[in-house]
Amino acid sequence: HWKSIYTTRVLAIGQAPDTIMSYLKQQKRWAQGGFTIFFSRNPLLSRKLNYDQKTQYMYSALFYFVGISILIYLILPLLFLFFGVSAIKLTDSNEWLYRYVPYLTIFYLLPVLLTGKVSLAAISTSLATFSSYVSALLNTIISKRYVWVTTTSSNAKKGRILKFIWPHLLIIALSVGASVIGTAPVTQSGAWT
């Protein structure tokens, strides 16, 4: 039987990642653990946990699915600008504002309410984790085991950074291309000039 309590004493000291590569590796490791819990040891199916415990464990396992929503968030504008595929059917440009402004307000207002400020570093870091989360989900689905190393070990710092940032570079390159296409003048026949 376990009991959780709050104490002001320091009981353990940990080290935070000091490079973007070790941060992304840490997030991937944590996400793969969350997905493993969700798919193999789903807390909702446990008879040993009460409702509150099931809910809390489920929330922690569900968090890492945010990688999918971030990936969709990054890809949808590209699909529209490259192929004209729209996620929503709009009757006029004001309808887009009615749908987007509430989302944008919540996206930026929530951090202000929680921390008192908007941090570009926090927003960009949270967006950058999509690749770790999606990769962890795919690894969990195909049952690929994750080799665990501590966040700050020399083994965690070794490796090619390109292995972790290639999805980001691809999104950036596609976004630049989509921006060129999106700003190019179009003739009445629909062809670019």
C-alpha atoms as a PDB file:
ATOM      1  CA  HIS A   1       0.000   0.000   0.000  1.00  0.00           C
ATOM      2  CA  TRP A   2       1.394   3.392  -1.037  1.00  0.00           C
ATOM      3  CA  LYS A   3       0.562   6.768   0.381  1.00  0.00           C
ATOM      4  CA  SER A   4       1.572  10.083  -1.197  1.00  0.00           C
ATOM      5  CA  ILE A   5       2.508  13.000   1.032  1.00  0.00           C
ATOM      6  CA  TYR A   6       4.034  16.430   0.505  1.00  0.00           C
ATOM      7  CA  THR A   7       7.313  17.266   2.200  1.00  0.00           C
ATOM      8  CA  THR A   8       9.587  20.292   1.998  1.00  0.00           C
ATOM      9  CA  ARG A   9      12.701  18.116   2.411  1.00  0.00           C
ATOM     10  CA  VAL A  10      14.818  17.335  -0.647  1.00  0.00           C
ATOM     11  CA  LEU A  11      14.646  13.549  -0.992  1.00  0.00           C
ATOM     12  CA  ALA A  12      16.314  13.129  -4.375  1.00  0.00           C
ATOM     13  CA  ILE A  13      18.396  15.269  -6.679  1.00  0.00           C
ATOM     14  CA  GLY A  14      18.155  14.945 -10.438  1.00  0.00           C
ATOM     15  CA  GLN A  15      19.867  16.536 -13.357  1.00  0.00           C
ATOM     16  CA  ALA A  16      18.082  18.259 -16.187  1.00  0.00           C
ATOM     17  CA  PRO A  17      19.132  17.833 -19.807  1.00  0.00           C
ATOM     18  CA  ASP A  18      21.676  20.450 -20.854  1.00  0.00           C
ATOM     19  CA  THR A  19      21.436  20.081 -24.632  1.00  0.00           C
ATOM     20  CA  ILE A  20      18.504  19.940 -27.026  1.00  0.00           C
ATOM     21  CA  MET A  21      19.526  16.419 -28.032  1.00  0.00           C
ATOM     22  CA  SER A  22      19.485  15.102 -24.449  1.00  0.00           C
ATOM     23  CA  TYR A  23      16.157  16.909 -23.875  1.00  0.00           C
ATOM     24  CA  LEU A  24      14.566  15.273 -26.927  1.00  0.00           C
ATOM     25  CA  LYS A  25      15.962  11.867 -25.899  1.00  0.00           C
ATOM     26  CA  GLN A  26      14.525  12.336 -22.402  1.00  0.00           C
ATOM     27  CA  GLN A  27      11.117  13.304 -23.807  1.00  0.00           C
ATOM     28  CA  LYS A  28      11.136  10.297 -26.125  1.00  0.00           C
ATOM     29  CA  ARG A  29      11.992   7.984 -23.221  1.00  0.00           C
ATOM     30  CA  TRP A  30       9.226   9.451 -21.041  1.00  0.00           C
ATOM     31  CA  ALA A  31       6.721   9.332 -23.919  1.00  0.00           C
ATOM     32  CA  GLN A  32       7.503   5.712 -24.694  1.00  0.00           C
ATOM     33  CA  GLY A  33       6.879   4.888 -21.038  1.00  0.00           C
ATOM     34  CA  GLY A  34       3.561   6.756 -21.165  1.00  0.00           C
ATOM     35  CA  PHE A  35       2.491   4.959 -24.342  1.00  0.00           C
ATOM     36  CA  THR A  36       3.525   1.595 -22.894  1.00  0.00           C
ATOM     37  CA  ILE A  37       1.334   2.279 -19.874  1.00  0.00           C
ATOM     38  CA  PHE A  38      -1.554   3.328 -22.117  1.00  0.00           C
ATOM     39  CA  PHE A  39      -1.393   0.318 -24.447  1.00  0.00           C
ATOM     40  CA  SER A  40      -0.083  -2.497 -22.194  1.00  0.00           C
ATOM     41  CA  ARG A  41      -1.008  -1.604 -18.656  1.00  0.00           C
ATOM     42  CA  ASN A  42      -3.941   0.724 -19.136  1.00  0.00           C
ATOM     43  CA  PRO A  43      -4.805   2.157 -15.718  1.00  0.00           C
ATOM     44  CA  LEU A  44      -8.520   2.185 -16.520  1.00  0.00           C
ATOM     45  CA  LEU A  45      -8.463  -1.626 -16.530  1.00  0.00           C
ATOM     46  CA  SER A  46      -6.720  -1.986 -13.175  1.00  0.00           C
ATOM     47  CA  ARG A  47      -8.772  -3.409 -10.313  1.00  0.00           C
ATOM     48  CA  LYS A  48      -6.184  -2.265  -7.763  1.00  0.00           C
ATOM     49  CA  LEU A  49      -6.675   1.462  -8.416  1.00  0.00           C
ATOM     50  CA  ASN A  50      -9.588   3.603  -7.304  1.00  0.00           C
ATOM     51  CA  TYR A  51     -11.325   5.970  -9.727  1.00  0.00           C
ATOM     52  CA  ASP A  52      -9.145   8.997  -8.835  1.00  0.00           C
ATOM     53  CA  GLN A  53      -5.941   7.010  -9.262  1.00  0.00           C
ATOM     54  CA  LYS A  54      -7.118   5.581 -12.595  1.00  0.00           C
ATOM     55  CA  THR A  55      -7.938   9.087 -13.812  1.00  0.00           C
ATOM     56  CA  GLN A  56      -4.574  10.545 -12.800  1.00  0.00           C
ATOM     57  CA  TYR A  57      -2.545   7.699 -14.292  1.00  0.00           C
ATOM     58  CA  MET A  58      -4.622   7.898 -17.464  1.00  0.00           C
ATOM     59  CA  TYR A  59      -3.999  11.665 -17.775  1.00  0.00           C
ATOM     60  CA  SER A  60      -0.255  11.144 -17.476  1.00  0.00           C
ATOM     61  CA  ALA A  61      -0.336   8.434 -20.171  1.00  0.00           C
ATOM     62  CA  LEU A  62      -2.579  10.479 -22.489  1.00  0.00           C
ATOM     63  CA  PHE A  63      -0.396  13.594 -22.401  1.00  0.00           C
ATOM     64  CA  TYR A  64       2.106  12.293 -24.938  1.00  0.00           C
ATOM     65  CA  PHE A  65      -0.571  11.994 -27.635  1.00  0.00           C
ATOM     66  CA  VAL A  66      -0.148  15.783 -27.931  1.00  0.00           C
ATOM     67  CA  GLY A  67       2.654  15.014 -30.399  1.00  0.00           C
ATOM     68  CA  ILE A  68       0.039  13.958 -32.939  1.00  0.00           C
ATOM     69  CA  SER A  69      -1.928  17.184 -32.538  1.00  0.00           C
ATOM     70  CA  ILE A  70       1.244  19.279 -32.867  1.00  0.00           C
ATOM     71  CA  LEU A  71       2.199  17.391 -36.038  1.00  0.00           C
ATOM     72  CA  ILE A  72      -1.286  18.007 -37.467  1.00  0.00           C
ATOM     73  CA  TYR A  73      -1.024  21.677 -36.439  1.00  0.00           C
ATOM     74  CA  LEU A  74       2.243  21.964 -38.382  1.00  0.00           C
ATOM     75  CA  ILE A  75       1.115  19.990 -41.449  1.00  0.00           C
ATOM     76  CA  LEU A  76      -2.353  21.473 -42.108  1.00  0.00           C
ATOM     77  CA  PRO A  77      -1.124  24.851 -43.424  1.00  0.00           C
ATOM     78  CA  LEU A  78       1.317  23.008 -45.694  1.00  0.00           C
ATOM     79  CA  LEU A  79      -1.454  20.809 -47.110  1.00  0.00           C
ATOM     80  CA  PHE A  80      -3.515  23.879 -47.855  1.00  0.00           C
ATOM     81  CA  LEU A  81      -0.746  25.900 -49.499  1.00  0.00           C
ATOM     82  CA  PHE A  82       0.708  23.010 -51.525  1.00  0.00           C
ATOM     83  CA  PHE A  83      -2.450  21.124 -52.479  1.00  0.00           C
ATOM     84  CA  GLY A  84      -5.440  23.323 -51.580  1.00  0.00           C
ATOM     85  CA  VAL A  85      -6.630  20.773 -49.013  1.00  0.00           C
ATOM     86  CA  SER A  86      -8.499  22.563 -46.231  1.00  0.00           C
ATOM     87  CA  ALA A  87      -9.229  21.040 -42.840  1.00  0.00           C
ATOM     88  CA  ILE A  88     -12.426  23.077 -42.544  1.00  0.00           C
ATOM     89  CA  LYS A  89     -14.922  24.207 -45.121  1.00  0.00           C
ATOM     90  CA  LEU A  90     -15.131  27.986 -45.031  1.00  0.00           C
ATOM     91  CA  THR A  91     -17.851  30.092 -46.560  1.00  0.00           C
ATOM     92  CA  ASP A  92     -15.959  33.373 -46.047  1.00  0.00           C
ATOM     93  CA  SER A  93     -12.749  34.678 -44.475  1.00  0.00           C
ATOM     94  CA  ASN A  94     -14.548  35.847 -41.321  1.00  0.00           C
ATOM     95  CA  GLU A  95     -15.510  32.263 -40.535  1.00  0.00           C
ATOM     96  CA  TRP A  96     -11.806  31.422 -40.277  1.00  0.00           C
ATOM     97  CA  LEU A  97     -11.428  34.195 -37.685  1.00  0.00           C
ATOM     98  CA  TYR A  98     -14.389  32.866 -35.685  1.00  0.00           C
ATOM     99  CA  ARG A  99     -12.718  29.479 -35.484  1.00  0.00           C
ATOM    100  CA  TYR A 100      -9.077  30.507 -35.074  1.00  0.00           C
ATOM    101  CA  VAL A 101      -9.230  33.476 -32.680  1.00  0.00           C
ATOM    102  CA  PRO A 102     -10.680  31.440 -29.755  1.00  0.00           C
ATOM    103  CA  TYR A 103      -7.957  28.805 -30.229  1.00  0.00           C
ATOM    104  CA  LEU A 104      -5.212  31.414 -30.461  1.00  0.00           C
ATOM    105  CA  THR A 105      -6.560  33.228 -27.400  1.00  0.00           C
ATOM    106  CA  ILE A 106      -6.559  30.056 -25.301  1.00  0.00           C
ATOM    107  CA  PHE A 107      -3.134  29.019 -26.636  1.00  0.00           C
ATOM    108  CA  TYR A 108      -1.512  32.260 -25.451  1.00  0.00           C
ATOM    109  CA  LEU A 109      -3.796  33.135 -22.551  1.00  0.00           C
ATOM    110  CA  LEU A 110      -3.349  29.842 -20.701  1.00  0.00           C
ATOM    111  CA  PRO A 111       0.434  30.286 -20.198  1.00  0.00           C
ATOM    112  CA  VAL A 112      -0.168  33.884 -19.083  1.00  0.00           C
ATOM    113  CA  LEU A 113      -2.711  32.717 -16.518  1.00  0.00           C
ATOM    114  CA  LEU A 114      -0.438  29.920 -15.293  1.00  0.00           C
ATOM    115  CA  THR A 115       2.932  31.702 -15.284  1.00  0.00           C
ATOM    116  CA  GLY A 116       2.133  35.377 -15.658  1.00  0.00           C
ATOM    117  CA  LYS A 117       3.917  35.683 -19.014  1.00  0.00           C
ATOM    118  CA  VAL A 118       4.159  34.342 -22.548  1.00  0.00           C
ATOM    119  CA  SER A 119       7.458  32.562 -23.059  1.00  0.00           C
ATOM    120  CA  LEU A 120       8.546  32.078 -26.658  1.00  0.00           C
ATOM    121  CA  ALA A 121      11.136  29.564 -25.426  1.00  0.00           C
ATOM    122  CA  ALA A 122       8.449  27.473 -23.709  1.00  0.00           C
ATOM    123  CA  ILE A 123       6.168  27.550 -26.763  1.00  0.00           C
ATOM    124  CA  SER A 124       8.948  26.626 -29.202  1.00  0.00           C
ATOM    125  CA  THR A 125      10.210  23.862 -26.898  1.00  0.00           C
ATOM    126  CA  SER A 126       6.734  22.369 -26.585  1.00  0.00           C
ATOM    127  CA  LEU A 127       6.311  22.456 -30.370  1.00  0.00           C
ATOM    128  CA  ALA A 128       9.725  20.845 -30.854  1.00  0.00           C
ATOM    129  CA  THR A 129       8.789  17.755 -28.831  1.00  0.00           C
ATOM    130  CA  PHE A 130       6.329  16.492 -31.456  1.00  0.00           C
ATOM    131  CA  SER A 131       9.008  14.380 -33.157  1.00  0.00           C
ATOM    132  CA  SER A 132      10.014  12.648 -29.924  1.00  0.00           C
ATOM    133  CA  TYR A 133       6.395  11.912 -29.029  1.00  0.00           C
ATOM    134  CA  VAL A 134       5.381  10.632 -32.474  1.00  0.00           C
ATOM    135  CA  SER A 135       8.564   8.524 -32.707  1.00  0.00           C
ATOM    136  CA  ALA A 136       7.872   7.052 -29.255  1.00  0.00           C
ATOM    137  CA  LEU A 137       4.295   6.219 -30.278  1.00  0.00           C
ATOM    138  CA  LEU A 138       5.480   4.421 -33.424  1.00  0.00           C
ATOM    139  CA  ASN A 139       8.158   2.544 -31.448  1.00  0.00           C
ATOM    140  CA  THR A 140       5.548   1.456 -28.912  1.00  0.00           C
ATOM    141  CA  ILE A 141       3.162   0.269 -31.627  1.00  0.00           C
ATOM    142  CA  ILE A 142       5.863  -1.855 -33.303  1.00  0.00           C
ATOM    143  CA  SER A 143       7.175  -3.005 -29.867  1.00  0.00           C
ATOM    144  CA  LYS A 144      10.641  -1.535 -30.381  1.00  0.00           C
ATOM    145  CA  ARG A 145      12.435  -1.438 -27.064  1.00  0.00           C
ATOM    146  CA  TYR A 146      14.056   1.758 -25.887  1.00  0.00           C
ATOM    147  CA  VAL A 147      17.599   1.492 -24.528  1.00  0.00           C
ATOM    148  CA  TRP A 148      17.582   3.541 -21.357  1.00  0.00           C
ATOM    149  CA  VAL A 149      20.455   5.868 -20.478  1.00  0.00           C
ATOM    150  CA  THR A 150      20.413   8.670 -17.952  1.00  0.00           C
ATOM    151  CA  THR A 151      19.671  12.102 -19.331  1.00  0.00           C
ATOM    152  CA  THR A 152      23.070  13.582 -18.573  1.00  0.00           C
ATOM    153  CA  SER A 153      25.273  10.543 -19.173  1.00  0.00           C
ATOM    154  CA  SER A 154      28.002  10.734 -21.784  1.00  0.00           C
ATOM    155  CA  ASN A 155      26.128   8.085 -23.813  1.00  0.00           C
ATOM    156  CA  ALA A 156      23.031  10.317 -23.887  1.00  0.00           C
ATOM    157  CA  LYS A 157      25.103  13.179 -25.266  1.00  0.00           C
ATOM    158  CA  LYS A 158      26.650  11.090 -28.019  1.00  0.00           C
ATOM    159  CA  GLY A 159      24.933  10.741 -31.329  1.00  0.00           C
ATOM    160  CA  ARG A 160      24.024  12.749 -34.328  1.00  0.00           C
ATOM    161  CA  ILE A 161      21.809  15.743 -33.686  1.00  0.00           C
ATOM    162  CA  LEU A 162      20.436  15.389 -37.226  1.00  0.00           C
ATOM    163  CA  LYS A 163      18.762  12.126 -36.160  1.00  0.00           C
ATOM    164  CA  PHE A 164      16.603  14.144 -33.764  1.00  0.00           C
ATOM    165  CA  ILE A 165      16.038  17.372 -35.662  1.00  0.00           C
ATOM    166  CA  TRP A 166      15.456  16.148 -39.238  1.00  0.00           C
ATOM    167  CA  PRO A 167      11.644  16.340 -38.824  1.00  0.00           C
ATOM    168  CA  HIS A 168      11.984  19.963 -37.731  1.00  0.00           C
ATOM    169  CA  LEU A 169      14.260  20.825 -40.643  1.00  0.00           C
ATOM    170  CA  LEU A 170      11.817  19.165 -43.046  1.00  0.00           C
ATOM    171  CA  ILE A 171       8.876  21.168 -41.627  1.00  0.00           C
ATOM    172  CA  ILE A 172      10.914  24.389 -41.883  1.00  0.00           C
ATOM    173  CA  ALA A 173      11.938  23.672 -45.503  1.00  0.00           C
ATOM    174  CA  LEU A 174       8.367  22.793 -46.478  1.00  0.00           C
ATOM    175  CA  SER A 175       7.077  25.917 -44.702  1.00  0.00           C
ATOM    176  CA  VAL A 176       9.491  28.131 -46.622  1.00  0.00           C
ATOM    177  CA  GLY A 177       8.384  26.494 -49.871  1.00  0.00           C
ATOM    178  CA  ALA A 178       4.712  26.831 -48.910  1.00  0.00           C
ATOM    179  CA  SER A 179       5.251  30.503 -48.059  1.00  0.00           C
ATOM    180  CA  VAL A 180       6.673  31.127 -51.524  1.00  0.00           C
ATOM    181  CA  ILE A 181       3.747  29.310 -53.125  1.00  0.00           C
ATOM    182  CA  GLY A 182       1.226  30.992 -50.812  1.00  0.00           C
ATOM    183  CA  THR A 183       2.452  34.481 -51.650  1.00  0.00           C
ATOM    184  CA  ALA A 184       2.899  33.926 -55.404  1.00  0.00           C
ATOM    185  CA  PRO A 185       0.384  35.741 -57.590  1.00  0.00           C
ATOM    186  CA  VAL A 186      -2.250  33.465 -59.096  1.00  0.00           C
ATOM    187  CA  THR A 187      -4.001  34.068 -62.424  1.00  0.00           C
ATOM    188  CA  GLN A 188      -7.744  33.667 -62.830  1.00  0.00           C
ATOM    189  CA  SER A 189      -7.186  30.214 -64.311  1.00  0.00           C
ATOM    190  CA  GLY A 190      -5.506  29.174 -61.061  1.00  0.00           C
ATOM    191  CA  ALA A 191      -1.950  29.018 -62.426  1.00  0.00           C
ATOM    192  CA  TRP A 192       0.972  30.702 -60.702  1.00  0.00           C
ATOM    193  CA  THR A 193       2.587  33.589 -62.510  1.00  0.00           C
END
